[in-house]
Amino acid sequence: MKTIDLKDELLQLNDLIDLARKEPVLLLSPDGKEFLISEADNFEKEVETLRASHSFQNFLDIRTASKHRIPLEEIEREIEKELSEKEERSV
């Protein structure tokens, strides 16, 4: 897996897609968000590639070590609230 820090390197969309055709690409945005770009139609290949990727395994280790957690119940409440608000707006 290739990691690209967008603070240091800007890519054209076509170039990013070309990279993602070869291997998954982890994008690090300037605000600290992380995005994984990969070909969507070959799940088995993606799993195999990610399992073999030292950088992705390192990424998972770092994420696992993070103390910041959001309980599933809180996420469910937020989703229910958003869906309820969306329903109210559409009525």
C-alpha atoms as a PDB file:
ATOM      1  CA  MET A   1       0.000   0.000   0.000  1.00  0.00           C
ATOM      2  CA  LYS A   2       1.230   3.442  -0.877  1.00  0.00           C
ATOM      3  CA  THR A   3       0.829   6.295   1.609  1.00  0.00           C
ATOM      4  CA  ILE A   4       0.552   9.861   0.342  1.00  0.00           C
ATOM      5  CA  ASP A   5       0.638  12.845   2.687  1.00  0.00           C
ATOM      6  CA  LEU A   6      -1.294  15.601   0.945  1.00  0.00           C
ATOM      7  CA  LYS A   7       0.571  18.235   2.966  1.00  0.00           C
ATOM      8  CA  ASP A   8       3.704  17.253   1.051  1.00  0.00           C
ATOM      9  CA  GLU A   9       2.391  15.997  -2.271  1.00  0.00           C
ATOM     10  CA  LEU A  10      -0.578  17.039  -4.394  1.00  0.00           C
ATOM     11  CA  LEU A  11      -1.954  14.650  -6.992  1.00  0.00           C
ATOM     12  CA  GLN A  12      -4.253  14.977  -9.936  1.00  0.00           C
ATOM     13  CA  LEU A  13      -7.291  12.719  -9.656  1.00  0.00           C
ATOM     14  CA  ASN A  14      -6.247  10.710 -12.727  1.00  0.00           C
ATOM     15  CA  ASP A  15      -2.820  10.071 -11.186  1.00  0.00           C
ATOM     16  CA  LEU A  16      -4.427   8.927  -7.935  1.00  0.00           C
ATOM     17  CA  ILE A  17      -6.713   6.532  -9.801  1.00  0.00           C
ATOM     18  CA  ASP A  18      -3.736   5.133 -11.722  1.00  0.00           C
ATOM     19  CA  LEU A  19      -1.933   4.476  -8.421  1.00  0.00           C
ATOM     20  CA  ALA A  20      -5.035   2.859  -6.903  1.00  0.00           C
ATOM     21  CA  ARG A  21      -5.292   0.504  -9.895  1.00  0.00           C
ATOM     22  CA  LYS A  22      -1.939  -0.986  -8.834  1.00  0.00           C
ATOM     23  CA  GLU A  23      -2.321  -0.988  -5.039  1.00  0.00           C
ATOM     24  CA  PRO A  24      -4.439   0.596  -2.290  1.00  0.00           C
ATOM     25  CA  VAL A  25      -3.516   4.207  -1.504  1.00  0.00           C
ATOM     26  CA  LEU A  26      -3.732   5.704   1.989  1.00  0.00           C
ATOM     27  CA  LEU A  27      -4.254   9.476   1.738  1.00  0.00           C
ATOM     28  CA  LEU A  28      -3.342  11.632   4.718  1.00  0.00           C
ATOM     29  CA  SER A  29      -5.184  14.943   4.466  1.00  0.00           C
ATOM     30  CA  PRO A  30      -3.750  18.209   5.826  1.00  0.00           C
ATOM     31  CA  ASP A  31      -6.391  18.199   8.607  1.00  0.00           C
ATOM     32  CA  GLY A  32      -5.305  14.751   9.812  1.00  0.00           C
ATOM     33  CA  LYS A  33      -8.095  12.688   8.237  1.00  0.00           C
ATOM     34  CA  GLU A  34      -7.168   9.433   6.545  1.00  0.00           C
ATOM     35  CA  PHE A  35      -8.750   8.007   3.402  1.00  0.00           C
ATOM     36  CA  LEU A  36      -8.181   4.637   1.775  1.00  0.00           C
ATOM     37  CA  ILE A  37      -8.539   4.543  -2.002  1.00  0.00           C
ATOM     38  CA  SER A  38      -8.624   1.170  -3.736  1.00  0.00           C
ATOM     39  CA  GLU A  39     -10.274  -0.714  -6.544  1.00  0.00           C
ATOM     40  CA  ALA A  40     -13.714  -1.705  -5.276  1.00  0.00           C
ATOM     41  CA  ASP A  41     -14.553  -4.737  -7.378  1.00  0.00           C
ATOM     42  CA  ASN A  42     -11.919  -7.183  -6.165  1.00  0.00           C
ATOM     43  CA  PHE A  43     -12.463  -7.635  -2.437  1.00  0.00           C
ATOM     44  CA  GLU A  44     -10.321 -10.756  -2.081  1.00  0.00           C
ATOM     45  CA  LYS A  45      -7.383  -9.026  -3.746  1.00  0.00           C
ATOM     46  CA  GLU A  46      -7.835  -6.000  -1.469  1.00  0.00           C
ATOM     47  CA  VAL A  47      -7.827  -8.158   1.657  1.00  0.00           C
ATOM     48  CA  GLU A  48      -4.712 -10.018   0.520  1.00  0.00           C
ATOM     49  CA  THR A  49      -2.907  -6.785  -0.360  1.00  0.00           C
ATOM     50  CA  LEU A  50      -3.797  -5.099   2.931  1.00  0.00           C
ATOM     51  CA  ARG A  51      -2.753  -8.133   4.987  1.00  0.00           C
ATOM     52  CA  ALA A  52       0.640  -8.081   3.279  1.00  0.00           C
ATOM     53  CA  SER A  53       1.073  -4.323   3.658  1.00  0.00           C
ATOM     54  CA  HIS A  54       3.460  -3.345   6.445  1.00  0.00           C
ATOM     55  CA  SER A  55       2.375   0.289   6.235  1.00  0.00           C
ATOM     56  CA  PHE A  56      -1.307  -0.654   6.581  1.00  0.00           C
ATOM     57  CA  GLN A  57      -0.564  -2.984   9.501  1.00  0.00           C
ATOM     58  CA  ASN A  58       1.399  -0.147  11.118  1.00  0.00           C
ATOM     59  CA  PHE A  59      -1.554   2.170  10.494  1.00  0.00           C
ATOM     60  CA  LEU A  60      -3.862  -0.338  12.239  1.00  0.00           C
ATOM     61  CA  ASP A  61      -1.450  -0.662  15.174  1.00  0.00           C
ATOM     62  CA  ILE A  62      -1.414   3.118  15.620  1.00  0.00           C
ATOM     63  CA  ARG A  63      -5.219   3.302  15.395  1.00  0.00           C
ATOM     64  CA  THR A  64      -5.578   0.467  17.908  1.00  0.00           C
ATOM     65  CA  ALA A  65      -3.257   2.220  20.358  1.00  0.00           C
ATOM     66  CA  SER A  66      -5.334   5.404  20.219  1.00  0.00           C
ATOM     67  CA  LYS A  67      -7.191   6.094  23.455  1.00  0.00           C
ATOM     68  CA  HIS A  68      -9.923   8.113  21.716  1.00  0.00           C
ATOM     69  CA  ARG A  69     -12.901   5.807  21.288  1.00  0.00           C
ATOM     70  CA  ILE A  70     -16.536   6.486  20.468  1.00  0.00           C
ATOM     71  CA  PRO A  71     -18.950   3.940  21.942  1.00  0.00           C
ATOM     72  CA  LEU A  72     -21.139   2.152  19.407  1.00  0.00           C
ATOM     73  CA  GLU A  73     -24.242   3.296  21.275  1.00  0.00           C
ATOM     74  CA  GLU A  74     -23.243   6.936  20.769  1.00  0.00           C
ATOM     75  CA  ILE A  75     -22.762   6.385  17.044  1.00  0.00           C
ATOM     76  CA  GLU A  76     -26.148   4.659  16.839  1.00  0.00           C
ATOM     77  CA  ARG A  77     -27.806   7.613  18.639  1.00  0.00           C
ATOM     78  CA  GLU A  78     -26.174  10.077  16.240  1.00  0.00           C
ATOM     79  CA  ILE A  79     -27.338   8.084  13.214  1.00  0.00           C
ATOM     80  CA  GLU A  80     -30.882   7.819  14.572  1.00  0.00           C
ATOM     81  CA  LYS A  81     -30.916  11.564  15.269  1.00  0.00           C
ATOM     82  CA  GLU A  82     -29.664  12.401  11.759  1.00  0.00           C
ATOM     83  CA  LEU A  83     -32.221  10.079  10.150  1.00  0.00           C
ATOM     84  CA  SER A  84     -34.999  11.566  12.263  1.00  0.00           C
ATOM     85  CA  GLU A  85     -33.966  15.121  11.322  1.00  0.00           C
ATOM     86  CA  LYS A  86     -33.799  14.135   7.660  1.00  0.00           C
ATOM     87  CA  GLU A  87     -37.301  12.649   7.855  1.00  0.00           C
ATOM     88  CA  GLU A  88     -38.654  15.809   9.507  1.00  0.00           C
ATOM     89  CA  ARG A  89     -37.155  18.002   6.766  1.00  0.00           C
ATOM     90  CA  SER A  90     -38.660  15.881   3.996  1.00  0.00           C
ATOM     91  CA  VAL A  91     -42.200  16.020   5.430  1.00  0.00           C
END
